[in-house]
Each structure stands twice: as structure tokens, then as C-alpha cells.
PDB file of N, CA and C in Angstrom:
ATOM      1  N   MET A   1     -20.754  -7.429   8.773  1.00  0.00           N
ATOM      2  CA  MET A   1     -20.490  -6.165   9.820  1.00  0.00           C
ATOM      3  C   MET A   1     -22.071  -6.095  10.459  1.00  0.00           C
ATOM      4  N   LYS A   2     -23.135  -6.355  10.354  1.00  0.00           N
ATOM      5  CA  LYS A   2     -24.243  -6.324  10.948  1.00  0.00           C
ATOM      6  C   LYS A   2     -24.289  -7.202  12.201  1.00  0.00           C
ATOM      7  N   SER A   3     -23.353  -8.360  12.079  1.00  0.00           N
ATOM      8  CA  SER A   3     -23.317  -9.362  13.392  1.00  0.00           C
ATOM      9  C   SER A   3     -22.404  -8.645  14.229  1.00  0.00           C
ATOM     10  N   ILE A   4     -21.354  -8.042  13.719  1.00  0.00           N
ATOM     11  CA  ILE A   4     -20.359  -7.432  14.467  1.00  0.00           C
ATOM     12  C   ILE A   4     -20.782  -6.449  15.315  1.00  0.00           C
ATOM     13  N   LYS A   5     -21.705  -5.499  15.069  1.00  0.00           N
ATOM     14  CA  LYS A   5     -22.746  -4.802  15.909  1.00  0.00           C
ATOM     15  C   LYS A   5     -23.448  -5.336  16.625  1.00  0.00           C
ATOM     16  N   LYS A   6     -23.969  -6.488  16.339  1.00  0.00           N
ATOM     17  CA  LYS A   6     -24.950  -7.141  16.999  1.00  0.00           C
ATOM     18  C   LYS A   6     -24.048  -7.589  18.363  1.00  0.00           C
ATOM     19  N   ALA A   7     -23.248  -8.306  18.045  1.00  0.00           N
ATOM     20  CA  ALA A   7     -21.985  -8.921  19.014  1.00  0.00           C
ATOM     21  C   ALA A   7     -21.722  -7.965  20.232  1.00  0.00           C
ATOM     22  N   PHE A   8     -21.513  -6.925  19.542  1.00  0.00           N
ATOM     23  CA  PHE A   8     -20.968  -5.673  20.204  1.00  0.00           C
ATOM     24  C   PHE A   8     -22.016  -5.224  21.474  1.00  0.00           C
ATOM     25  N   GLY A   9     -23.341  -4.940  20.809  1.00  0.00           N
ATOM     26  CA  GLY A   9     -24.168  -4.715  21.732  1.00  0.00           C
ATOM     27  C   GLY A   9     -24.908  -5.643  22.823  1.00  0.00           C
ATOM     28  N   ASN A  10     -24.694  -6.854  22.353  1.00  0.00           N
ATOM     29  CA  ASN A  10     -24.941  -8.050  23.360  1.00  0.00           C
ATOM     30  C   ASN A  10     -24.150  -8.084  24.586  1.00  0.00           C
ATOM     31  N   TYR A  11     -22.792  -7.863  24.032  1.00  0.00           N
ATOM     32  CA  TYR A  11     -21.723  -7.838  25.005  1.00  0.00           C
ATOM     33  C   TYR A  11     -21.957  -6.691  26.016  1.00  0.00           C
ATOM     34  N   ASN A  12     -22.118  -5.616  25.451  1.00  0.00           N
ATOM     35  CA  ASN A  12     -22.617  -4.310  26.394  1.00  0.00           C
ATOM     36  C   ASN A  12     -23.420  -4.459  27.384  1.00  0.00           C
ATOM     37  N   LYS A  13     -24.833  -5.399  26.638  1.00  0.00           N
ATOM     38  CA  LYS A  13     -25.902  -5.601  27.383  1.00  0.00           C
ATOM     39  C   LYS A  13     -25.658  -6.467  28.537  1.00  0.00           C
ATOM     40  N   SER A  14     -24.681  -7.376  28.225  1.00  0.00           N
ATOM     41  CA  SER A  14     -24.130  -8.337  29.358  1.00  0.00           C
ATOM     42  C   SER A  14     -23.603  -7.465  30.494  1.00  0.00           C
ATOM     43  N   ILE A  15     -22.623  -6.424  30.018  1.00  0.00           N
ATOM     44  CA  ILE A  15     -21.918  -5.955  31.151  1.00  0.00           C
ATOM     45  C   ILE A  15     -22.889  -5.069  31.925  1.00  0.00           C
ATOM     46  N   LYS A  16     -23.861  -4.386  31.137  1.00  0.00           N
ATOM     47  CA  LYS A  16     -25.122  -3.578  31.932  1.00  0.00           C
ATOM     48  C   LYS A  16     -25.596  -4.204  32.903  1.00  0.00           C
ATOM     49  N   TYR A  17     -26.032  -5.547  32.818  1.00  0.00           N
ATOM     50  CA  TYR A  17     -26.528  -6.570  33.928  1.00  0.00           C
ATOM     51  C   TYR A  17     -25.544  -7.221  34.719  1.00  0.00           C
ATOM     52  N   ASN A  18     -24.380  -7.507  34.377  1.00  0.00           N
ATOM     53  CA  ASN A  18     -23.463  -8.069  35.053  1.00  0.00           C
ATOM     54  C   ASN A  18     -22.120  -7.576  34.813  1.00  0.00           C
ATOM     55  N   SER A  19     -21.523  -6.364  35.532  1.00  0.00           N
ATOM     56  CA  SER A  19     -20.541  -5.415  35.512  1.00  0.00           C
ATOM     57  C   SER A  19     -19.209  -6.182  35.566  1.00  0.00           C
ATOM     58  N   SER A  20     -19.207  -7.377  36.481  1.00  0.00           N
ATOM     59  CA  SER A  20     -18.266  -8.327  36.736  1.00  0.00           C
ATOM     60  C   SER A  20     -18.122  -9.366  35.747  1.00  0.00           C
ATOM     61  N   SER A  21     -18.838  -9.426  34.723  1.00  0.00           N
ATOM     62  CA  SER A  21     -18.447 -10.266  33.542  1.00  0.00           C
ATOM     63  C   SER A  21     -17.225 -10.258  32.784  1.00  0.00           C
ATOM     64  N   PHE A  22     -16.323 -11.075  33.122  1.00  0.00           N
ATOM     65  CA  PHE A  22     -14.978 -11.005  32.330  1.00  0.00           C
ATOM     66  C   PHE A  22     -15.071 -11.747  31.037  1.00  0.00           C
ATOM     67  N   ASP A  23     -16.110 -12.294  30.907  1.00  0.00           N
ATOM     68  CA  ASP A  23     -16.369 -12.973  29.508  1.00  0.00           C
ATOM     69  C   ASP A  23     -16.955 -11.972  28.562  1.00  0.00           C
ATOM     70  N   ALA A  24     -17.607 -11.115  29.103  1.00  0.00           N
ATOM     71  CA  ALA A  24     -18.071  -9.873  28.237  1.00  0.00           C
ATOM     72  C   ALA A  24     -17.177  -8.867  27.801  1.00  0.00           C
ATOM     73  N   TYR A  25     -16.273  -8.865  28.746  1.00  0.00           N
ATOM     74  CA  TYR A  25     -15.164  -7.862  28.509  1.00  0.00           C
ATOM     75  C   TYR A  25     -13.993  -8.453  27.239  1.00  0.00           C
ATOM     76  N   ASP A  26     -14.008  -9.792  27.620  1.00  0.00           N
ATOM     77  CA  ASP A  26     -13.170 -10.458  26.726  1.00  0.00           C
ATOM     78  C   ASP A  26     -14.150 -10.468  25.260  1.00  0.00           C
ATOM     79  N   GLY A  27     -15.229 -10.743  25.232  1.00  0.00           N
ATOM     80  CA  GLY A  27     -15.811 -10.719  23.960  1.00  0.00           C
ATOM     81  C   GLY A  27     -15.607  -9.034  23.328  1.00  0.00           C
ATOM     82  N   ILE A  28     -15.941  -8.330  24.148  1.00  0.00           N
ATOM     83  CA  ILE A  28     -15.617  -7.063  23.637  1.00  0.00           C
ATOM     84  C   ILE A  28     -14.405  -6.668  22.774  1.00  0.00           C
ATOM     85  N   ALA A  29     -13.216  -7.013  23.567  1.00  0.00           N
ATOM     86  CA  ALA A  29     -11.916  -7.061  23.274  1.00  0.00           C
ATOM     87  C   ALA A  29     -11.683  -7.551  21.691  1.00  0.00           C
ATOM     88  N   LYS A  30     -12.330  -8.863  21.513  1.00  0.00           N
ATOM     89  CA  LYS A  30     -12.094  -9.591  20.132  1.00  0.00           C
ATOM     90  C   LYS A  30     -13.198  -8.875  19.047  1.00  0.00           C
ATOM     91  N   VAL A  31     -14.120  -8.149  19.442  1.00  0.00           N
ATOM     92  CA  VAL A  31     -14.799  -7.095  18.440  1.00  0.00           C
ATOM     93  C   VAL A  31     -14.119  -5.969  18.405  1.00  0.00           C
ATOM     94  N   CYS A  32     -13.403  -5.437  19.122  1.00  0.00           N
ATOM     95  CA  CYS A  32     -12.868  -4.494  18.889  1.00  0.00           C
ATOM     96  C   CYS A  32     -11.351  -4.534  17.814  1.00  0.00           C
ATOM     97  N   LEU A  33     -11.243  -5.969  18.179  1.00  0.00           N
ATOM     98  CA  LEU A  33     -10.040  -6.385  17.180  1.00  0.00           C
ATOM     99  C   LEU A  33     -10.353  -6.369  15.924  1.00  0.00           C
ATOM    100  N   VAL A  34     -11.377  -6.885  15.679  1.00  0.00           N
ATOM    101  CA  VAL A  34     -12.155  -7.468  14.400  1.00  0.00           C
ATOM    102  C   VAL A  34     -12.255  -5.917  13.808  1.00  0.00           C
ATOM    103  N   ARG A  35     -12.763  -4.693  14.594  1.00  0.00           N
ATOM    104  CA  ARG A  35     -13.189  -3.503  14.032  1.00  0.00           C
ATOM    105  C   ARG A  35     -11.644  -2.745  13.724  1.00  0.00           C
ATOM    106  N   GLY A  36     -10.500  -3.266  14.266  1.00  0.00           N
ATOM    107  CA  GLY A  36      -9.210  -2.701  13.782  1.00  0.00           C
ATOM    108  C   GLY A  36      -9.207  -1.432  15.166  1.00  0.00           C
ATOM    109  N   LYS A  37      -9.592  -1.791  16.011  1.00  0.00           N
ATOM    110  CA  LYS A  37      -9.622  -0.701  17.364  1.00  0.00           C
ATOM    111  C   LYS A  37      -8.512  -1.434  18.430  1.00  0.00           C
ATOM    112  N   HIS A  38      -7.478  -1.454  18.184  1.00  0.00           N
ATOM    113  CA  HIS A  38      -6.412  -2.255  18.952  1.00  0.00           C
ATOM    114  C   HIS A  38      -6.344  -1.553  20.117  1.00  0.00           C
ATOM    115  N   GLU A  39      -6.303  -0.323  20.494  1.00  0.00           N
ATOM    116  CA  GLU A  39      -6.318  -0.016  21.991  1.00  0.00           C
ATOM    117  C   GLU A  39      -7.272  -0.463  22.656  1.00  0.00           C
ATOM    118  N   ASN A  40      -8.482  -0.079  22.139  1.00  0.00           N
ATOM    119  CA  ASN A  40      -9.652  -0.615  22.880  1.00  0.00           C
ATOM    120  C   ASN A  40      -9.906  -2.098  22.981  1.00  0.00           C
ATOM    121  N   ALA A  41      -9.282  -2.748  22.351  1.00  0.00           N
ATOM    122  CA  ALA A  41      -9.309  -4.194  22.479  1.00  0.00           C
ATOM    123  C   ALA A  41      -8.237  -4.830  23.587  1.00  0.00           C
ATOM    124  N   VAL A  42      -7.194  -3.769  23.613  1.00  0.00           N
ATOM    125  CA  VAL A  42      -6.129  -4.177  24.902  1.00  0.00           C
ATOM    126  C   VAL A  42      -6.814  -3.892  26.037  1.00  0.00           C
ATOM    127  N   LEU A  43      -7.477  -2.579  26.135  1.00  0.00           N
ATOM    128  CA  LEU A  43      -7.976  -2.299  27.434  1.00  0.00           C
ATOM    129  C   LEU A  43      -9.269  -3.237  27.950  1.00  0.00           C
ATOM    130  N   ASN A  44      -9.919  -3.690  27.052  1.00  0.00           N
ATOM    131  CA  ASN A  44     -11.242  -4.459  27.536  1.00  0.00           C
ATOM    132  C   ASN A  44     -10.376  -5.603  27.722  1.00  0.00           C
ATOM    133  N   ASN A  45      -9.404  -6.137  27.196  1.00  0.00           N
ATOM    134  CA  ASN A  45      -8.975  -7.638  27.640  1.00  0.00           C
ATOM    135  C   ASN A  45      -8.247  -7.252  28.998  1.00  0.00           C
ATOM    136  N   LYS A  46      -7.571  -6.332  29.336  1.00  0.00           N
ATOM    137  CA  LYS A  46      -6.836  -6.121  30.432  1.00  0.00           C
ATOM    138  C   LYS A  46      -8.022  -6.022  31.546  1.00  0.00           C
ATOM    139  N   LYS A  47      -9.397  -5.358  31.488  1.00  0.00           N
ATOM    140  CA  LYS A  47     -10.040  -5.389  32.217  1.00  0.00           C
ATOM    141  C   LYS A  47     -10.796  -6.726  32.530  1.00  0.00           C
ATOM    142  N   SER A  48     -10.810  -7.393  31.503  1.00  0.00           N
ATOM    143  CA  SER A  48     -10.984  -8.786  31.562  1.00  0.00           C
ATOM    144  C   SER A  48     -10.394  -9.768  32.402  1.00  0.00           C
ATOM    145  N   ILE A  49      -9.214  -9.586  32.395  1.00  0.00           N
ATOM    146  CA  ILE A  49      -8.073 -10.378  33.073  1.00  0.00           C
ATOM    147  C   ILE A  49      -8.165  -9.757  34.643  1.00  0.00           C
ATOM    148  N   GLU A  50      -8.449  -8.455  35.017  1.00  0.00           N
ATOM    149  CA  GLU A  50      -8.754  -7.969  36.280  1.00  0.00           C
ATOM    150  C   GLU A  50      -9.967  -8.511  36.902  1.00  0.00           C
ATOM    151  N   LEU A  51     -10.755  -8.500  36.253  1.00  0.00           N
ATOM    152  CA  LEU A  51     -12.105  -9.125  36.669  1.00  0.00           C
ATOM    153  C   LEU A  51     -11.927 -10.542  36.950  1.00  0.00           C
ATOM    154  N   ALA A  52     -11.701 -11.204  35.996  1.00  0.00           N
ATOM    155  CA  ALA A  52     -11.398 -12.730  36.337  1.00  0.00           C
ATOM    156  C   ALA A  52     -10.719 -13.053  37.380  1.00  0.00           C
ATOM    157  N   ARG A  53      -9.313 -12.270  37.704  1.00  0.00           N
ATOM    158  CA  ARG A  53      -8.601 -12.398  38.695  1.00  0.00           C
ATOM    159  C   ARG A  53      -9.394 -12.027  40.195  1.00  0.00           C
ATOM    160  N   ALA A  54     -10.429 -11.072  40.058  1.00  0.00           N
ATOM    161  CA  ALA A  54     -10.995 -10.777  41.301  1.00  0.00           C
ATOM    162  C   ALA A  54     -12.129 -11.690  41.556  1.00  0.00           C
ATOM    163  N   CYS A  55     -12.469 -12.392  40.425  1.00  0.00           N
ATOM    164  CA  CYS A  55     -13.604 -13.563  40.656  1.00  0.00           C
ATOM    165  C   CYS A  55     -13.047 -14.890  40.832  1.00  0.00           C
ATOM    166  N   ASN A  56     -11.687 -14.829  41.265  1.00  0.00           N
ATOM    167  CA  ASN A  56     -11.141 -16.191  41.275  1.00  0.00           C
ATOM    168  C   ASN A  56     -11.216 -17.107  40.110  1.00  0.00           C
ATOM    169  N   ALA A  57     -11.266 -16.712  38.978  1.00  0.00           N
ATOM    170  CA  ALA A  57     -11.339 -17.676  38.035  1.00  0.00           C
ATOM    171  C   ALA A  57     -10.333 -18.882  37.857  1.00  0.00           C
ATOM    172  N   ARG A  58     -10.684 -19.707  37.169  1.00  0.00           N
ATOM    173  CA  ARG A  58      -9.396 -20.733  37.058  1.00  0.00           C
ATOM    174  C   ARG A  58      -8.567 -20.464  36.390  1.00  0.00           C
ATOM    175  N   GLN A  59      -6.963 -20.909  36.755  1.00  0.00           N
ATOM    176  CA  GLN A  59      -5.924 -20.828  36.021  1.00  0.00           C
ATOM    177  C   GLN A  59      -6.032 -20.652  34.403  1.00  0.00           C
ATOM    178  N   TRP A  60      -6.616 -21.814  33.919  1.00  0.00           N
ATOM    179  CA  TRP A  60      -6.656 -22.202  32.659  1.00  0.00           C
ATOM    180  C   TRP A  60      -7.476 -21.043  31.775  1.00  0.00           C
ATOM    181  N   MET A  61      -8.434 -20.345  32.700  1.00  0.00           N
ATOM    182  CA  MET A  61      -9.474 -19.226  31.875  1.00  0.00           C
ATOM    183  C   MET A  61      -8.368 -17.836  31.684  1.00  0.00           C
ATOM    184  N   LEU A  62      -7.746 -17.908  32.988  1.00  0.00           N
ATOM    185  CA  LEU A  62      -6.575 -16.636  33.405  1.00  0.00           C
ATOM    186  C   LEU A  62      -5.479 -16.736  31.827  1.00  0.00           C
ATOM    187  N   ASN A  63      -5.201 -18.077  31.727  1.00  0.00           N
ATOM    188  CA  ASN A  63      -4.127 -18.289  30.590  1.00  0.00           C
ATOM    189  C   ASN A  63      -4.594 -17.713  29.384  1.00  0.00           C
ATOM    190  N   GLN A  64      -5.722 -18.105  28.993  1.00  0.00           N
ATOM    191  CA  GLN A  64      -6.539 -17.949  27.834  1.00  0.00           C
ATOM    192  C   GLN A  64      -6.540 -16.257  27.647  1.00  0.00           C
ATOM    193  N   LEU A  65      -6.872 -15.698  28.762  1.00  0.00           N
ATOM    194  CA  LEU A  65      -7.339 -14.224  28.528  1.00  0.00           C
ATOM    195  C   LEU A  65      -5.697 -13.551  28.480  1.00  0.00           C
ATOM    196  N   ILE A  66      -4.855 -14.093  29.091  1.00  0.00           N
ATOM    197  CA  ILE A  66      -3.524 -13.520  29.096  1.00  0.00           C
ATOM    198  C   ILE A  66      -2.730 -13.726  27.437  1.00  0.00           C
ATOM    199  N   ALA A  67      -3.218 -14.979  26.909  1.00  0.00           N
ATOM    200  CA  ALA A  67      -2.706 -15.229  25.597  1.00  0.00           C
ATOM    201  C   ALA A  67      -3.381 -14.352  24.549  1.00  0.00           C
ATOM    202  N   THR A  68      -4.606 -13.974  24.713  1.00  0.00           N
ATOM    203  CA  THR A  68      -5.592 -13.057  23.815  1.00  0.00           C
ATOM    204  C   THR A  68      -4.767 -11.886  23.897  1.00  0.00           C
ATOM    205  N   ILE A  69      -4.254 -11.157  24.922  1.00  0.00           N
ATOM    206  CA  ILE A  69      -3.807 -10.063  25.238  1.00  0.00           C
ATOM    207  C   ILE A  69      -2.500  -9.883  24.522  1.00  0.00           C
ATOM    208  N   ALA A  70      -1.764 -11.136  24.546  1.00  0.00           N
ATOM    209  CA  ALA A  70      -0.329 -11.301  23.838  1.00  0.00           C
ATOM    210  C   ALA A  70      -0.554 -11.224  22.371  1.00  0.00           C
ATOM    211  N   LEU A  71      -1.765 -11.798  21.665  1.00  0.00           N
ATOM    212  CA  LEU A  71      -1.836 -12.091  20.629  1.00  0.00           C
ATOM    213  C   LEU A  71      -2.288 -10.460  20.059  1.00  0.00           C
ATOM    214  N   LEU A  72      -3.136  -9.933  20.706  1.00  0.00           N
ATOM    215  CA  LEU A  72      -3.522  -8.411  20.478  1.00  0.00           C
ATOM    216  C   LEU A  72      -2.466  -7.608  20.165  1.00  0.00           C
ATOM    217  N   VAL A  73      -1.462  -7.505  21.105  1.00  0.00           N
ATOM    218  CA  VAL A  73      -0.276  -6.564  20.933  1.00  0.00           C
ATOM    219  C   VAL A  73       0.219  -7.239  19.889  1.00  0.00           C
ATOM    220  N   LEU A  74       0.769  -8.492  19.646  1.00  0.00           N
ATOM    221  CA  LEU A  74       1.152  -8.779  18.523  1.00  0.00           C
ATOM    222  C   LEU A  74       0.959  -8.502  17.333  1.00  0.00           C
ATOM    223  N   SER A  75      -0.671  -8.716  17.043  1.00  0.00           N
ATOM    224  CA  SER A  75      -1.208  -8.319  15.718  1.00  0.00           C
ATOM    225  C   SER A  75      -1.095  -6.650  15.732  1.00  0.00           C
ATOM    226  N   HIS A  76      -1.011  -6.028  16.698  1.00  0.00           N
ATOM    227  CA  HIS A  76      -0.991  -4.266  16.555  1.00  0.00           C
ATOM    228  C   HIS A  76       0.324  -3.734  16.158  1.00  0.00           C
ATOM    229  N   THR A  77       1.345  -4.681  17.005  1.00  0.00           N
ATOM    230  CA  THR A  77       2.668  -4.177  16.505  1.00  0.00           C
ATOM    231  C   THR A  77       3.184  -4.746  15.195  1.00  0.00           C
ATOM    232  N   GLY A  78       2.479  -5.755  14.613  1.00  0.00           N
ATOM    233  CA  GLY A  78       2.720  -6.365  13.489  1.00  0.00           C
ATOM    234  C   GLY A  78       1.985  -5.556  12.236  1.00  0.00           C
ATOM    235  N   ARG A  79       1.023  -4.884  12.411  1.00  0.00           N
ATOM    236  CA  ARG A  79       0.353  -4.093  11.500  1.00  0.00           C
ATOM    237  C   ARG A  79       1.213  -2.685  11.204  1.00  0.00           C
ATOM    238  N   LYS A  80       1.426  -2.069  12.445  1.00  0.00           N
ATOM    239  CA  LYS A  80       2.396  -0.907  12.562  1.00  0.00           C
ATOM    240  C   LYS A  80       3.635  -1.200  11.694  1.00  0.00           C
ATOM    241  N   THR A  81       4.037  -2.287  11.922  1.00  0.00           N
ATOM    242  CA  THR A  81       5.406  -2.708  11.150  1.00  0.00           C
ATOM    243  C   THR A  81       5.429  -2.992   9.597  1.00  0.00           C
ATOM    244  N   MET A  82       3.942  -3.418   9.143  1.00  0.00           N
ATOM    245  CA  MET A  82       3.895  -3.937   8.009  1.00  0.00           C
ATOM    246  C   MET A  82       3.515  -2.581   6.988  1.00  0.00           C
ATOM    247  N   ASN A  83       2.714  -1.546   7.779  1.00  0.00           N
ATOM    248  CA  ASN A  83       2.284  -0.373   7.302  1.00  0.00           C
ATOM    249  C   ASN A  83       3.523   0.685   6.837  1.00  0.00           C
ATOM    250  N   ARG A  84       4.937   0.589   7.621  1.00  0.00           N
ATOM    251  CA  ARG A  84       5.947   1.429   7.452  1.00  0.00           C
ATOM    252  C   ARG A  84       6.453   1.256   6.085  1.00  0.00           C
TER     253      ARG A  84
END
């Protein structure tokens, strides 16, 4: 758990120094997923995609980010279904 907090802090520092870092937002999304905060994970992933498009990121990188959001949504809906 300590390493998750450290990763979250490092990604936040990265955003503080470079607010257009789509990699940092993607990292935060993954940390949020591990913490079980799916809504925050989706929001951060969407921000990551938005920034990547604004930075004219390569298509393969956008594809990876889009695939991540698909996994986030599937894992969130799957957990809701399993818990019922």
C-alpha cells in the first residue's frame, strides 16, 4: 500500500510540474483502479486521452489509452454485476 501512495504522489508531482502530462494522468487512473476508485480512474483516463490528442500523440499511444478506459469500464461494471 505504501508503494501505491508513493506512485500517486509521484504522478501528482509530475502533473504539478507539467500539467499537460497525459502519461501522469494515465498513471493516476491506474492507481485509482488499484484503490477501487473507478469513477476517478475513468475521469483521469479521459483527461489523459484529451491531453494526448491535444499534444498530437501517436495513434498507438491513443489506442493504448482508449483500451485502458475500456478495461476500466468493464472492470467497474463487472464488479457491480458480481456484487449483486
